[in-house]
Amino acid sequence: WVGSSLAAGRLVCDVALQAKDLLPKIGAHDLVTLMREHLGVTNMHAVEPEALPKYYDSSSSLKDLVEMTFTNALAVARLAHSLQILPLTKQLTNLAGNGWNASLQNKRAERNEMLLCHEF
C-alpha cells in the first residue's frame, strides 16, 4: 500500500473495512451511505477523482472543495467514534497479541495466526 510510507509510525484506521465488518446490513459502504444510514446525516457529498480538476477553475469552487474535504474528514471521525472502532480494535489487539495497526486495518488472518500461536 503506497500510503504506508506516508503514515509510517502512525495508526491508520480503515473505516470502510471496519464498517463492512460491524455494519453488515448496510448494502454500500461508501462514506455518504454510511453517514446517511448510520448517523442520519443527509448533506454529505462524494467528490469523484475525475471531477477534481473542475474545482481548480475558480477560487470559490476550490473553497467548496476544501469545505467538502473538511466535512468528510469530520464525518469519518464521527463514524469511527460512533462505531467504537478504536476501543474494539484495542481489545482485540490485547487478546491476540498482534500489532494495533494490523487490527485497525482489519487484518484478520494475522490476528488469527497470533491467537493460534498463543493457544498452542
Protein backbone atom coordinates (compact mmCIF):
# COMPACT_ATOMS: atom_id res chain seq x y z
CA TRP A 1 0.00 0.00 0.00
CA VAL A 2 1.51 3.33 -1.07
CA GLY A 3 0.15 5.20 1.95
CA SER A 4 2.13 3.04 4.38
CA SER A 5 5.24 5.11 3.76
CA LEU A 6 3.24 8.30 4.28
CA ALA A 7 1.79 7.03 7.55
CA ALA A 8 4.95 5.42 8.96
CA GLY A 9 4.73 5.34 12.73
CA ARG A 10 1.06 6.38 12.76
CA LEU A 11 -2.03 4.31 13.40
CA VAL A 12 -4.13 4.05 10.24
CA CYS A 13 -7.75 3.00 10.56
CA ASP A 14 -9.62 1.73 7.50
CA VAL A 15 -13.12 2.86 8.43
CA ALA A 16 -14.70 1.32 5.31
CA LEU A 17 -13.37 -2.17 6.11
CA GLN A 18 -14.35 -1.84 9.75
CA ALA A 19 -17.84 -0.68 8.76
CA LYS A 20 -18.24 -3.72 6.48
CA ASP A 21 -17.43 -5.90 9.46
CA LEU A 22 -19.51 -4.02 12.04
CA LEU A 23 -22.48 -2.98 9.85
CA PRO A 24 -23.16 -5.95 7.57
CA LYS A 25 -26.79 -5.00 6.88
CA ILE A 26 -25.87 -1.79 5.04
CA GLY A 27 -25.51 -2.58 1.34
CA ALA A 28 -22.95 0.02 0.26
CA HIS A 29 -20.07 1.05 2.48
CA ASP A 30 -19.08 4.38 0.95
CA LEU A 31 -18.90 7.42 3.22
CA VAL A 32 -22.13 9.05 2.01
CA THR A 33 -24.18 5.88 2.52
CA LEU A 34 -22.64 5.10 5.91
CA MET A 35 -23.30 8.61 7.20
CA ARG A 36 -26.89 8.58 5.93
CA GLU A 37 -27.76 5.09 7.20
CA HIS A 38 -25.82 5.01 10.46
CA LEU A 39 -25.80 8.63 11.66
CA GLY A 40 -28.71 10.18 9.73
CA VAL A 41 -26.56 12.84 8.05
CA THR A 42 -28.04 13.73 4.66
CA ASN A 43 -25.90 16.66 3.48
CA MET A 44 -22.79 14.64 2.54
CA HIS A 45 -21.34 14.86 -0.96
CA ALA A 46 -18.84 12.50 -2.54
CA VAL A 47 -16.12 14.03 -4.69
CA GLU A 48 -15.17 11.80 -7.59
CA PRO A 49 -11.48 11.88 -8.58
CA GLU A 50 -12.42 12.65 -12.18
CA ALA A 51 -14.22 15.81 -11.04
CA LEU A 52 -11.27 17.25 -9.09
CA PRO A 53 -9.79 19.37 -11.93
CA LYS A 54 -13.00 21.38 -12.31
CA TYR A 55 -12.72 22.55 -8.68
CA TYR A 56 -9.49 24.37 -9.59
CA ASP A 57 -11.22 26.58 -12.15
CA SER A 58 -12.14 29.29 -9.66
CA SER A 59 -11.37 30.25 -6.10
CA SER A 60 -14.99 29.76 -5.00
CA SER A 61 -15.11 26.18 -6.32
CA LEU A 62 -11.74 25.45 -4.69
CA LYS A 63 -13.14 26.80 -1.42
CA ASP A 64 -16.12 24.45 -1.86
CA LEU A 65 -13.74 21.53 -2.35
CA VAL A 66 -11.84 22.43 0.83
CA GLU A 67 -15.08 22.66 2.80
CA MET A 68 -16.31 19.30 1.45
CA THR A 69 -12.96 17.68 2.29
CA PHE A 70 -13.08 19.09 5.82
CA THR A 71 -16.69 17.94 6.25
CA ASN A 72 -15.78 14.46 5.02
CA ALA A 73 -12.82 14.26 7.43
CA LEU A 74 -15.09 15.17 10.33
CA ALA A 75 -17.64 12.61 9.11
CA VAL A 76 -15.02 9.86 9.14
CA ALA A 77 -14.05 10.81 12.70
CA ARG A 78 -17.71 10.82 13.81
CA LEU A 79 -18.27 7.46 12.16
CA ALA A 80 -15.19 5.91 13.77
CA HIS A 81 -16.31 7.25 17.15
CA SER A 82 -19.86 6.03 16.66
CA LEU A 83 -18.74 2.53 15.71
CA GLN A 84 -16.31 2.45 18.67
CA ILE A 85 -13.58 1.22 16.34
CA LEU A 86 -10.59 2.27 18.45
CA PRO A 87 -11.68 0.65 21.76
CA LEU A 88 -12.82 -2.51 19.98
CA THR A 89 -9.62 -2.96 17.98
CA LYS A 90 -7.52 -2.21 21.05
CA GLN A 91 -9.28 -5.02 22.95
CA LEU A 92 -8.79 -7.40 20.01
CA THR A 93 -5.12 -6.45 19.89
CA ASN A 94 -4.70 -7.10 23.59
CA LEU A 95 -6.35 -10.51 23.23
CA ALA A 96 -4.46 -11.59 20.13
CA GLY A 97 -1.10 -10.03 20.90
CA ASN A 98 -0.60 -8.64 17.39
CA GLY A 99 0.03 -5.05 16.34
CA TRP A 100 -2.75 -2.50 16.83
CA ASN A 101 -2.23 -1.12 13.34
CA ALA A 102 -2.97 -4.59 11.90
CA SER A 103 -6.24 -4.72 13.85
CA LEU A 104 -7.20 -1.25 12.63
CA GLN A 105 -6.66 -2.34 9.04
CA ASN A 106 -8.83 -5.41 9.64
CA LYS A 107 -6.11 -7.98 9.01
CA ARG A 108 -7.99 -10.94 10.45
CA ALA A 109 -5.63 -13.61 9.15
CA GLU A 110 -2.71 -12.09 11.03
CA ARG A 111 -4.81 -11.75 14.20
CA ASN A 112 -5.99 -15.36 13.94
CA GLU A 113 -2.42 -16.55 13.42
CA MET A 114 -1.30 -14.70 16.55
CA LEU A 115 -4.19 -16.23 18.54
CA LEU A 116 -3.24 -19.71 17.37
CA CYS A 117 0.41 -19.13 18.23
CA HIS A 118 -0.57 -18.16 21.79
CA GLU A 119 -3.01 -21.04 22.09
CA PHE A 120 -0.59 -23.84 21.18
